[in-house]
Structure formats: structure tokens, C-alpha cells
Amino acid sequence: MPSVIEFTMKARPGHYDDVVRMYEGFADAIIDGSPDAEFALITGDPASGTVRGIGVWDDATTAATALGLPVFEDFMKAVSPHLEEAPERLELQLLHVHARH
């Protein structure tokens, strides 16, 4: 069953744009470099500093492997100084998708 990973970060004041830019680069790299990653969405709220990534993977096992990839480790090293607190990771099952093409 496809797995959805929601990874939420809270940017320090004045660092929202930096976090967004780094997250976008990471999302592009992880999707392009991981055949088991289907797609990623990055959402955000500048007023609260919240930046949330939502990635869809083939299954939970392959989603978990992303945590050990060098691209993830490099991203976390780069983005951590821009965050107020540790990111929150939530794993969900993908139950339904309806999209217009």
C-alpha cells in the first residue's frame, strides 16, 4: 500500500524563505533520485513559519529508507540551523487520490 510521509518544519523568524528554498531542492532531489518515491508536495504558511512536505512512496518500507539517504542527511544538516524546533515526521496510508489531468 502506498505510504504518505508528512514532514513538518517550523522556521525560525526571518528564515521561512530559506527553509522553503532548501525543502524544494530536497524534494526535487529525492523524487528524481528515488525510484520508489512517486511525488512530493511542499506547502507552507509564512505567518506561522510552517513548511510541510508531503511525499508519496510505493510503500512504508521504501519510505523509511529515505531517512538514511545522503541527500536527506545533507538536507537536515543544511536546514537545521534555520528551524525553531525538531521536525515532525508522520507516516500515513494513502487511501484515495482523485486528480484531474
PDB file of N, CA and C in Angstrom:
ATOM      1  N   MET A   1       0.845  -1.176   0.000  1.00  0.00           N
ATOM      2  CA  MET A   1       0.000   0.000   0.000  1.00  0.00           C
ATOM      3  C   MET A   1       0.888   1.236   0.000  1.00  0.00           C
ATOM      4  N   PRO A   2       0.555   2.218  -0.828  1.00  0.00           N
ATOM      5  CA  PRO A   2       1.351   3.452  -0.837  1.00  0.00           C
ATOM      6  C   PRO A   2       1.379   4.115   0.540  1.00  0.00           C
ATOM      7  N   SER A   3       2.499   4.757   0.811  1.00  0.00           N
ATOM      8  CA  SER A   3       2.715   5.411   2.091  1.00  0.00           C
ATOM      9  C   SER A   3       2.901   6.910   1.873  1.00  0.00           C
ATOM     10  N   VAL A   4       2.292   7.696   2.733  1.00  0.00           N
ATOM     11  CA  VAL A   4       2.423   9.150   2.692  1.00  0.00           C
ATOM     12  C   VAL A   4       3.251   9.575   3.893  1.00  0.00           C
ATOM     13  N   ILE A   5       4.312  10.322   3.628  1.00  0.00           N
ATOM     14  CA  ILE A   5       5.132  10.856   4.695  1.00  0.00           C
ATOM     15  C   ILE A   5       4.902  12.354   4.747  1.00  0.00           C
ATOM     16  N   GLU A   6       4.491  12.804   5.903  1.00  0.00           N
ATOM     17  CA  GLU A   6       4.300  14.233   6.143  1.00  0.00           C
ATOM     18  C   GLU A   6       5.438  14.678   7.052  1.00  0.00           C
ATOM     19  N   PHE A   7       6.221  15.641   6.599  1.00  0.00           N
ATOM     20  CA  PHE A   7       7.397  16.085   7.336  1.00  0.00           C
ATOM     21  C   PHE A   7       7.269  17.593   7.508  1.00  0.00           C
ATOM     22  N   THR A   8       7.030  18.018   8.752  1.00  0.00           N
ATOM     23  CA  THR A   8       6.710  19.409   9.041  1.00  0.00           C
ATOM     24  C   THR A   8       7.847  20.090   9.787  1.00  0.00           C
ATOM     25  N   MET A   9       8.156  21.303   9.338  1.00  0.00           N
ATOM     26  CA  MET A   9       9.206  22.099   9.961  1.00  0.00           C
ATOM     27  C   MET A   9       8.669  23.471  10.343  1.00  0.00           C
ATOM     28  N   LYS A  10       9.221  24.007  11.403  1.00  0.00           N
ATOM     29  CA  LYS A  10       8.867  25.355  11.861  1.00  0.00           C
ATOM     30  C   LYS A  10      10.115  26.221  11.719  1.00  0.00           C
ATOM     31  N   ALA A  11      10.082  27.162  10.768  1.00  0.00           N
ATOM     32  CA  ALA A  11      11.223  28.030  10.503  1.00  0.00           C
ATOM     33  C   ALA A  11      11.381  29.075  11.607  1.00  0.00           C
ATOM     34  N   ARG A  12      12.621  29.391  11.905  1.00  0.00           N
ATOM     35  CA  ARG A  12      12.906  30.493  12.826  1.00  0.00           C
ATOM     36  C   ARG A  12      12.445  31.789  12.180  1.00  0.00           C
ATOM     37  N   PRO A  13      12.084  32.798  12.970  1.00  0.00           N
ATOM     38  CA  PRO A  13      11.690  34.086  12.379  1.00  0.00           C
ATOM     39  C   PRO A  13      12.761  34.594  11.408  1.00  0.00           C
ATOM     40  N   GLY A  14      12.312  35.006  10.246  1.00  0.00           N
ATOM     41  CA  GLY A  14      13.209  35.522   9.226  1.00  0.00           C
ATOM     42  C   GLY A  14      13.873  34.455   8.368  1.00  0.00           C
ATOM     43  N   HIS A  15      13.572  33.175   8.597  1.00  0.00           N
ATOM     44  CA  HIS A  15      14.217  32.081   7.871  1.00  0.00           C
ATOM     45  C   HIS A  15      13.243  31.276   7.009  1.00  0.00           C
ATOM     46  N   TYR A  16      11.997  31.701   6.950  1.00  0.00           N
ATOM     47  CA  TYR A  16      10.981  30.947   6.203  1.00  0.00           C
ATOM     48  C   TYR A  16      11.393  30.711   4.752  1.00  0.00           C
ATOM     49  N   ASP A  17      11.809  31.764   4.052  1.00  0.00           N
ATOM     50  CA  ASP A  17      12.172  31.626   2.641  1.00  0.00           C
ATOM     51  C   ASP A  17      13.356  30.679   2.452  1.00  0.00           C
ATOM     52  N   ASP A  18      14.309  30.705   3.393  1.00  0.00           N
ATOM     53  CA  ASP A  18      15.453  29.791   3.316  1.00  0.00           C
ATOM     54  C   ASP A  18      14.998  28.345   3.444  1.00  0.00           C
ATOM     55  N   VAL A  19      14.108  28.081   4.399  1.00  0.00           N
ATOM     56  CA  VAL A  19      13.609  26.720   4.605  1.00  0.00           C
ATOM     57  C   VAL A  19      12.831  26.252   3.378  1.00  0.00           C
ATOM     58  N   VAL A  20      11.984  27.120   2.835  1.00  0.00           N
ATOM     59  CA  VAL A  20      11.219  26.764   1.635  1.00  0.00           C
ATOM     60  C   VAL A  20      12.164  26.419   0.488  1.00  0.00           C
ATOM     61  N   ARG A  21      13.156  27.244   0.248  1.00  0.00           N
ATOM     62  CA  ARG A  21      14.096  27.023  -0.855  1.00  0.00           C
ATOM     63  C   ARG A  21      14.838  25.686  -0.687  1.00  0.00           C
ATOM     64  N   MET A  22      15.307  25.420   0.543  1.00  0.00           N
ATOM     65  CA  MET A  22      16.023  24.165   0.782  1.00  0.00           C
ATOM     66  C   MET A  22      15.100  22.955   0.662  1.00  0.00           C
ATOM     67  N   TYR A  23      13.871  23.107   1.155  1.00  0.00           N
ATOM     68  CA  TYR A  23      12.921  21.994   1.084  1.00  0.00           C
ATOM     69  C   TYR A  23      12.574  21.674  -0.362  1.00  0.00           C
ATOM     70  N   GLU A  24      12.378  22.716  -1.178  1.00  0.00           N
ATOM     71  CA  GLU A  24      12.083  22.486  -2.589  1.00  0.00           C
ATOM     72  C   GLU A  24      13.221  21.732  -3.269  1.00  0.00           C
ATOM     73  N   GLY A  25      14.456  22.123  -3.005  1.00  0.00           N
ATOM     74  CA  GLY A  25      15.609  21.441  -3.586  1.00  0.00           C
ATOM     75  C   GLY A  25      15.703  19.998  -3.140  1.00  0.00           C
ATOM     76  N   PHE A  26      15.451  19.768  -1.842  1.00  0.00           N
ATOM     77  CA  PHE A  26      15.470  18.407  -1.321  1.00  0.00           C
ATOM     78  C   PHE A  26      14.378  17.561  -1.971  1.00  0.00           C
ATOM     79  N   ALA A  27      13.166  18.097  -2.061  1.00  0.00           N
ATOM     80  CA  ALA A  27      12.051  17.341  -2.643  1.00  0.00           C
ATOM     81  C   ALA A  27      12.353  16.964  -4.089  1.00  0.00           C
ATOM     82  N   ASP A  28      12.903  17.889  -4.858  1.00  0.00           N
ATOM     83  CA  ASP A  28      13.254  17.588  -6.240  1.00  0.00           C
ATOM     84  C   ASP A  28      14.306  16.479  -6.295  1.00  0.00           C
ATOM     85  N   ALA A  29      15.315  16.572  -5.442  1.00  0.00           N
ATOM     86  CA  ALA A  29      16.397  15.580  -5.434  1.00  0.00           C
ATOM     87  C   ALA A  29      15.902  14.206  -5.011  1.00  0.00           C
ATOM     88  N   ILE A  30      15.043  14.147  -4.007  1.00  0.00           N
ATOM     89  CA  ILE A  30      14.576  12.849  -3.510  1.00  0.00           C
ATOM     90  C   ILE A  30      13.659  12.178  -4.532  1.00  0.00           C
ATOM     91  N   ILE A  31      12.818  12.943  -5.199  1.00  0.00           N
ATOM     92  CA  ILE A  31      11.927  12.355  -6.206  1.00  0.00           C
ATOM     93  C   ILE A  31      12.735  11.905  -7.422  1.00  0.00           C
ATOM     94  N   ASP A  32      13.671  12.742  -7.868  1.00  0.00           N
ATOM     95  CA  ASP A  32      14.478  12.394  -9.036  1.00  0.00           C
ATOM     96  C   ASP A  32      15.418  11.222  -8.761  1.00  0.00           C
ATOM     97  N   GLY A  33      15.871  11.084  -7.512  1.00  0.00           N
ATOM     98  CA  GLY A  33      16.863  10.062  -7.196  1.00  0.00           C
ATOM     99  C   GLY A  33      16.333   8.794  -6.562  1.00  0.00           C
ATOM    100  N   SER A  34      15.051   8.733  -6.287  1.00  0.00           N
ATOM    101  CA  SER A  34      14.470   7.563  -5.612  1.00  0.00           C
ATOM    102  C   SER A  34      13.346   6.984  -6.467  1.00  0.00           C
ATOM    103  N   PRO A  35      13.569   5.846  -7.097  1.00  0.00           N
ATOM    104  CA  PRO A  35      12.532   5.283  -7.965  1.00  0.00           C
ATOM    105  C   PRO A  35      11.248   4.902  -7.225  1.00  0.00           C
ATOM    106  N   ASP A  36      11.320   4.728  -5.909  1.00  0.00           N
ATOM    107  CA  ASP A  36      10.141   4.359  -5.131  1.00  0.00           C
ATOM    108  C   ASP A  36       9.349   5.564  -4.629  1.00  0.00           C
ATOM    109  N   ALA A  37       9.863   6.764  -4.869  1.00  0.00           N
ATOM    110  CA  ALA A  37       9.153   7.987  -4.481  1.00  0.00           C
ATOM    111  C   ALA A  37       8.301   8.428  -5.667  1.00  0.00           C
ATOM    112  N   GLU A  38       7.009   8.587  -5.431  1.00  0.00           N
ATOM    113  CA  GLU A  38       6.080   8.915  -6.511  1.00  0.00           C
ATOM    114  C   GLU A  38       5.990  10.418  -6.769  1.00  0.00           C
ATOM    115  N   PHE A  39       5.732  11.201  -5.733  1.00  0.00           N
ATOM    116  CA  PHE A  39       5.675  12.655  -5.889  1.00  0.00           C
ATOM    117  C   PHE A  39       5.766  13.323  -4.531  1.00  0.00           C
ATOM    118  N   ALA A  40       6.025  14.619  -4.558  1.00  0.00           N
ATOM    119  CA  ALA A  40       6.118  15.394  -3.324  1.00  0.00           C
ATOM    120  C   ALA A  40       5.393  16.717  -3.503  1.00  0.00           C
ATOM    121  N   LEU A  41       4.779  17.162  -2.434  1.00  0.00           N
ATOM    122  CA  LEU A  41       4.146  18.483  -2.364  1.00  0.00           C
ATOM    123  C   LEU A  41       4.812  19.243  -1.219  1.00  0.00           C
ATOM    124  N   ILE A  42       5.056  20.511  -1.414  1.00  0.00           N
ATOM    125  CA  ILE A  42       5.568  21.347  -0.332  1.00  0.00           C
ATOM    126  C   ILE A  42       4.522  22.428  -0.112  1.00  0.00           C
ATOM    127  N   THR A  43       4.064  22.547   1.124  1.00  0.00           N
ATOM    128  CA  THR A  43       3.084  23.564   1.476  1.00  0.00           C
ATOM    129  C   THR A  43       3.667  24.434   2.586  1.00  0.00           C
ATOM    130  N   GLY A  44       3.101  25.607   2.757  1.00  0.00           N
ATOM    131  CA  GLY A  44       3.639  26.454   3.803  1.00  0.00           C
ATOM    132  C   GLY A  44       2.700  27.555   4.233  1.00  0.00           C
ATOM    133  N   ASP A  45       3.011  28.107   5.391  1.00  0.00           N
ATOM    134  CA  ASP A  45       2.283  29.238   5.954  1.00  0.00           C
ATOM    135  C   ASP A  45       3.316  30.241   6.466  1.00  0.00           C
ATOM    136  N   PRO A  46       3.580  31.299   5.700  1.00  0.00           N
ATOM    137  CA  PRO A  46       4.598  32.253   6.106  1.00  0.00           C
ATOM    138  C   PRO A  46       4.317  32.920   7.453  1.00  0.00           C
ATOM    139  N   ALA A  47       3.048  33.112   7.785  1.00  0.00           N
ATOM    140  CA  ALA A  47       2.710  33.784   9.043  1.00  0.00           C
ATOM    141  C   ALA A  47       3.172  32.989  10.262  1.00  0.00           C
ATOM    142  N   SER A  48       3.071  31.663  10.192  1.00  0.00           N
ATOM    143  CA  SER A  48       3.479  30.828  11.327  1.00  0.00           C
ATOM    144  C   SER A  48       4.884  30.245  11.155  1.00  0.00           C
ATOM    145  N   GLY A  49       5.438  30.357   9.940  1.00  0.00           N
ATOM    146  CA  GLY A  49       6.748  29.778   9.668  1.00  0.00           C
ATOM    147  C   GLY A  49       6.704  28.288   9.399  1.00  0.00           C
ATOM    148  N   THR A  50       5.526  27.734   9.199  1.00  0.00           N
ATOM    149  CA  THR A  50       5.367  26.300   8.979  1.00  0.00           C
ATOM    150  C   THR A  50       5.617  25.944   7.516  1.00  0.00           C
ATOM    151  N   VAL A  51       6.467  24.948   7.305  1.00  0.00           N
ATOM    152  CA  VAL A  51       6.727  24.406   5.976  1.00  0.00           C
ATOM    153  C   VAL A  51       6.525  22.897   6.087  1.00  0.00           C
ATOM    154  N   ARG A  52       5.647  22.370   5.245  1.00  0.00           N
ATOM    155  CA  ARG A  52       5.289  20.958   5.336  1.00  0.00           C
ATOM    156  C   ARG A  52       5.510  20.287   3.988  1.00  0.00           C
ATOM    157  N   GLY A  53       6.215  19.184   4.012  1.00  0.00           N
ATOM    158  CA  GLY A  53       6.394  18.368   2.831  1.00  0.00           C
ATOM    159  C   GLY A  53       5.547  17.123   2.948  1.00  0.00           C
ATOM    160  N   ILE A  54       4.936  16.757   1.843  1.00  0.00           N
ATOM    161  CA  ILE A  54       4.109  15.564   1.792  1.00  0.00           C
ATOM    162  C   ILE A  54       4.613  14.735   0.621  1.00  0.00           C
ATOM    163  N   GLY A  55       5.155  13.576   0.931  1.00  0.00           N
ATOM    164  CA  GLY A  55       5.706  12.710  -0.103  1.00  0.00           C
ATOM    165  C   GLY A  55       4.956  11.398  -0.166  1.00  0.00           C
ATOM    166  N   VAL A  56       4.774  10.897  -1.369  1.00  0.00           N
ATOM    167  CA  VAL A  56       4.094   9.617  -1.560  1.00  0.00           C
ATOM    168  C   VAL A  56       5.109   8.609  -2.092  1.00  0.00           C
ATOM    169  N   TRP A  57       5.168   7.481  -1.388  1.00  0.00           N
ATOM    170  CA  TRP A  57       6.109   6.401  -1.690  1.00  0.00           C
ATOM    171  C   TRP A  57       5.338   5.137  -2.028  1.00  0.00           C
ATOM    172  N   ASP A  58       6.011   4.195  -2.686  1.00  0.00           N
ATOM    173  CA  ASP A  58       5.370   2.927  -3.055  1.00  0.00           C
ATOM    174  C   ASP A  58       4.858   2.174  -1.833  1.00  0.00           C
ATOM    175  N   ASP A  59       5.625   2.212  -0.729  1.00  0.00           N
ATOM    176  CA  ASP A  59       5.208   1.525   0.493  1.00  0.00           C
ATOM    177  C   ASP A  59       5.995   2.094   1.679  1.00  0.00           C
ATOM    178  N   ALA A  60       5.610   1.697   2.878  1.00  0.00           N
ATOM    179  CA  ALA A  60       6.225   2.229   4.101  1.00  0.00           C
ATOM    180  C   ALA A  60       7.695   1.842   4.224  1.00  0.00           C
ATOM    181  N   THR A  61       8.057   0.675   3.769  1.00  0.00           N
ATOM    182  CA  THR A  61       9.446   0.231   3.874  1.00  0.00           C
ATOM    183  C   THR A  61      10.364   1.121   3.045  1.00  0.00           C
ATOM    184  N   THR A  62       9.976   1.396   1.817  1.00  0.00           N
ATOM    185  CA  THR A  62      10.813   2.257   0.981  1.00  0.00           C
ATOM    186  C   THR A  62      10.800   3.695   1.477  1.00  0.00           C
ATOM    187  N   ALA A  63       9.694   4.138   2.043  1.00  0.00           N
ATOM    188  CA  ALA A  63       9.642   5.489   2.607  1.00  0.00           C
ATOM    189  C   ALA A  63      10.636   5.630   3.760  1.00  0.00           C
ATOM    190  N   ALA A  64      10.760   4.593   4.561  1.00  0.00           N
ATOM    191  CA  ALA A  64      11.677   4.638   5.702  1.00  0.00           C
ATOM    192  C   ALA A  64      13.133   4.687   5.259  1.00  0.00           C
ATOM    193  N   THR A  65      13.446   4.138   4.102  1.00  0.00           N
ATOM    194  CA  THR A  65      14.837   4.148   3.638  1.00  0.00           C
ATOM    195  C   THR A  65      15.327   5.552   3.328  1.00  0.00           C
ATOM    196  N   ALA A  66      14.423   6.468   3.050  1.00  0.00           N
ATOM    197  CA  ALA A  66      14.821   7.849   2.731  1.00  0.00           C
ATOM    198  C   ALA A  66      15.562   8.507   3.884  1.00  0.00           C
ATOM    199  N   LEU A  67      15.254   8.092   5.107  1.00  0.00           N
ATOM    200  CA  LEU A  67      15.903   8.700   6.279  1.00  0.00           C
ATOM    201  C   LEU A  67      17.404   8.460   6.305  1.00  0.00           C
ATOM    202  N   GLY A  68      17.858   7.411   5.650  1.00  0.00           N
ATOM    203  CA  GLY A  68      19.279   7.092   5.649  1.00  0.00           C
ATOM    204  C   GLY A  68      20.011   7.525   4.387  1.00  0.00           C
ATOM    205  N   LEU A  69      19.315   8.143   3.451  1.00  0.00           N
ATOM    206  CA  LEU A  69      19.955   8.575   2.213  1.00  0.00           C
ATOM    207  C   LEU A  69      20.832   9.799   2.444  1.00  0.00           C
ATOM    208  N   PRO A  70      21.970   9.882   1.767  1.00  0.00           N
ATOM    209  CA  PRO A  70      22.838  11.055   1.916  1.00  0.00           C
ATOM    210  C   PRO A  70      22.124  12.371   1.604  1.00  0.00           C
ATOM    211  N   VAL A  71      21.212  12.379   0.628  1.00  0.00           N
ATOM    212  CA  VAL A  71      20.504  13.612   0.288  1.00  0.00           C
ATOM    213  C   VAL A  71      19.644  14.092   1.472  1.00  0.00           C
ATOM    214  N   PHE A  72      19.063  13.164   2.225  1.00  0.00           N
ATOM    215  CA  PHE A  72      18.276  13.537   3.403  1.00  0.00           C
ATOM    216  C   PHE A  72      19.187  14.057   4.515  1.00  0.00           C
ATOM    217  N   GLU A  73      20.289  13.357   4.737  1.00  0.00           N
ATOM    218  CA  GLU A  73      21.233  13.782   5.773  1.00  0.00           C
ATOM    219  C   GLU A  73      21.807  15.166   5.458  1.00  0.00           C
ATOM    220  N   ASP A  74      22.158  15.409   4.197  1.00  0.00           N
ATOM    221  CA  ASP A  74      22.685  16.723   3.797  1.00  0.00           C
ATOM    222  C   ASP A  74      21.631  17.813   3.981  1.00  0.00           C
ATOM    223  N   PHE A  75      20.398  17.493   3.612  1.00  0.00           N
ATOM    224  CA  PHE A  75      19.298  18.446   3.784  1.00  0.00           C
ATOM    225  C   PHE A  75      19.117  18.806   5.250  1.00  0.00           C
ATOM    226  N   MET A  76      19.104  17.813   6.114  1.00  0.00           N
ATOM    227  CA  MET A  76      18.900  18.078   7.540  1.00  0.00           C
ATOM    228  C   MET A  76      20.041  18.905   8.129  1.00  0.00           C
ATOM    229  N   LYS A  77      21.264  18.634   7.729  1.00  0.00           N
ATOM    230  CA  LYS A  77      22.399  19.432   8.207  1.00  0.00           C
ATOM    231  C   LYS A  77      22.272  20.886   7.768  1.00  0.00           C
ATOM    232  N   ALA A  78      21.841  21.096   6.531  1.00  0.00           N
ATOM    233  CA  ALA A  78      21.722  22.448   5.991  1.00  0.00           C
ATOM    234  C   ALA A  78      20.545  23.216   6.588  1.00  0.00           C
ATOM    235  N   VAL A  79      19.418  22.551   6.782  1.00  0.00           N
ATOM    236  CA  VAL A  79      18.202  23.247   7.202  1.00  0.00           C
ATOM    237  C   VAL A  79      18.096  23.426   8.720  1.00  0.00           C
ATOM    238  N   SER A  80      18.711  22.543   9.491  1.00  0.00           N
ATOM    239  CA  SER A  80      18.552  22.574  10.954  1.00  0.00           C
ATOM    240  C   SER A  80      18.826  23.928  11.602  1.00  0.00           C
ATOM    241  N   PRO A  81      19.863  24.661  11.207  1.00  0.00           N
ATOM    242  CA  PRO A  81      20.096  25.965  11.846  1.00  0.00           C
ATOM    243  C   PRO A  81      18.988  26.993  11.591  1.00  0.00           C
ATOM    244  N   HIS A  82      18.133  26.715  10.635  1.00  0.00           N
ATOM    245  CA  HIS A  82      17.054  27.635  10.277  1.00  0.00           C
ATOM    246  C   HIS A  82      15.725  27.283  10.957  1.00  0.00           C
ATOM    247  N   LEU A  83      15.733  26.246  11.798  1.00  0.00           N
ATOM    248  CA  LEU A  83      14.498  25.758  12.412  1.00  0.00           C
ATOM    249  C   LEU A  83      14.402  26.128  13.886  1.00  0.00           C
ATOM    250  N   GLU A  84      13.169  26.356  14.333  1.00  0.00           N
ATOM    251  CA  GLU A  84      12.906  26.637  15.746  1.00  0.00           C
ATOM    252  C   GLU A  84      12.918  25.378  16.597  1.00  0.00           C
ATOM    253  N   GLU A  85      12.536  24.270  15.999  1.00  0.00           N
ATOM    254  CA  GLU A  85      12.408  23.016  16.749  1.00  0.00           C
ATOM    255  C   GLU A  85      12.654  21.848  15.811  1.00  0.00           C
ATOM    256  N   ALA A  86      12.768  20.674  16.366  1.00  0.00           N
ATOM    257  CA  ALA A  86      12.986  19.475  15.556  1.00  0.00           C
ATOM    258  C   ALA A  86      11.776  19.235  14.644  1.00  0.00           C
ATOM    259  N   PRO A  87      12.016  18.794  13.413  1.00  0.00           N
ATOM    260  CA  PRO A  87      10.903  18.496  12.513  1.00  0.00           C
ATOM    261  C   PRO A  87      10.039  17.357  13.051  1.00  0.00           C
ATOM    262  N   GLU A  88       8.811  17.336  12.593  1.00  0.00           N
ATOM    263  CA  GLU A  88       7.881  16.273  12.979  1.00  0.00           C
ATOM    264  C   GLU A  88       7.594  15.414  11.747  1.00  0.00           C
ATOM    265  N   ARG A  89       7.762  14.106  11.887  1.00  0.00           N
ATOM    266  CA  ARG A  89       7.512  13.163  10.794  1.00  0.00           C
ATOM    267  C   ARG A  89       6.306  12.310  11.141  1.00  0.00           C
ATOM    268  N   LEU A  90       5.371  12.224  10.199  1.00  0.00           N
ATOM    269  CA  LEU A  90       4.164  11.438  10.383  1.00  0.00           C
ATOM    270  C   LEU A  90       4.012  10.540   9.165  1.00  0.00           C
ATOM    271  N   GLU A  91       3.721   9.271   9.412  1.00  0.00           N
ATOM    272  CA  GLU A  91       3.521   8.316   8.322  1.00  0.00           C
ATOM    273  C   GLU A  91       2.047   7.932   8.265  1.00  0.00           C
ATOM    274  N   LEU A  92       1.474   8.011   7.065  1.00  0.00           N
ATOM    275  CA  LEU A  92       0.055   7.715   6.852  1.00  0.00           C
ATOM    276  C   LEU A  92      -0.102   6.773   5.668  1.00  0.00           C
ATOM    277  N   GLN A  93      -1.224   6.096   5.599  1.00  0.00           N
ATOM    278  CA  GLN A  93      -1.558   5.292   4.436  1.00  0.00           C
ATOM    279  C   GLN A  93      -2.263   6.174   3.417  1.00  0.00           C
ATOM    280  N   LEU A  94      -1.956   5.962   2.154  1.00  0.00           N
ATOM    281  CA  LEU A  94      -2.668   6.667   1.088  1.00  0.00           C
ATOM    282  C   LEU A  94      -3.940   5.875   0.784  1.00  0.00           C
ATOM    283  N   LEU A  95      -5.070   6.490   1.033  1.00  0.00           N
ATOM    284  CA  LEU A  95      -6.339   5.786   0.874  1.00  0.00           C
ATOM    285  C   LEU A  95      -7.041   6.093  -0.444  1.00  0.00           C
ATOM    286  N   HIS A  96      -6.873   7.330  -0.942  1.00  0.00           N
ATOM    287  CA  HIS A  96      -7.593   7.701  -2.161  1.00  0.00           C
ATOM    288  C   HIS A  96      -6.941   8.918  -2.780  1.00  0.00           C
ATOM    289  N   VAL A  97      -6.876   8.920  -4.111  1.00  0.00           N
ATOM    290  CA  VAL A  97      -6.418  10.086  -4.876  1.00  0.00           C
ATOM    291  C   VAL A  97      -7.392  10.286  -6.024  1.00  0.00           C
ATOM    292  N   HIS A  98      -7.800  11.509  -6.227  1.00  0.00           N
ATOM    293  CA  HIS A  98      -8.608  11.861  -7.367  1.00  0.00           C
ATOM    294  C   HIS A  98      -7.987  13.141  -7.936  1.00  0.00           C
ATOM    295  N   ALA A  99      -7.499  13.064  -9.147  1.00  0.00           N
ATOM    296  CA  ALA A  99      -6.842  14.226  -9.747  1.00  0.00           C
ATOM    297  C   ALA A  99      -7.341  14.411 -11.171  1.00  0.00           C
ATOM    298  N   ARG A 100      -7.413  15.630 -11.563  1.00  0.00           N
ATOM    299  CA  ARG A 100      -7.779  15.967 -12.942  1.00  0.00           C
ATOM    300  C   ARG A 100      -6.485  16.127 -13.730  1.00  0.00           C
ATOM    301  N   HIS A 101      -6.404  15.562 -14.899  1.00  0.00           N
ATOM    302  CA  HIS A 101      -5.182  15.665 -15.713  1.00  0.00           C
ATOM    303  C   HIS A 101      -5.351  16.679 -16.754  1.00  0.00           C
TER     304      HIS A 101
END
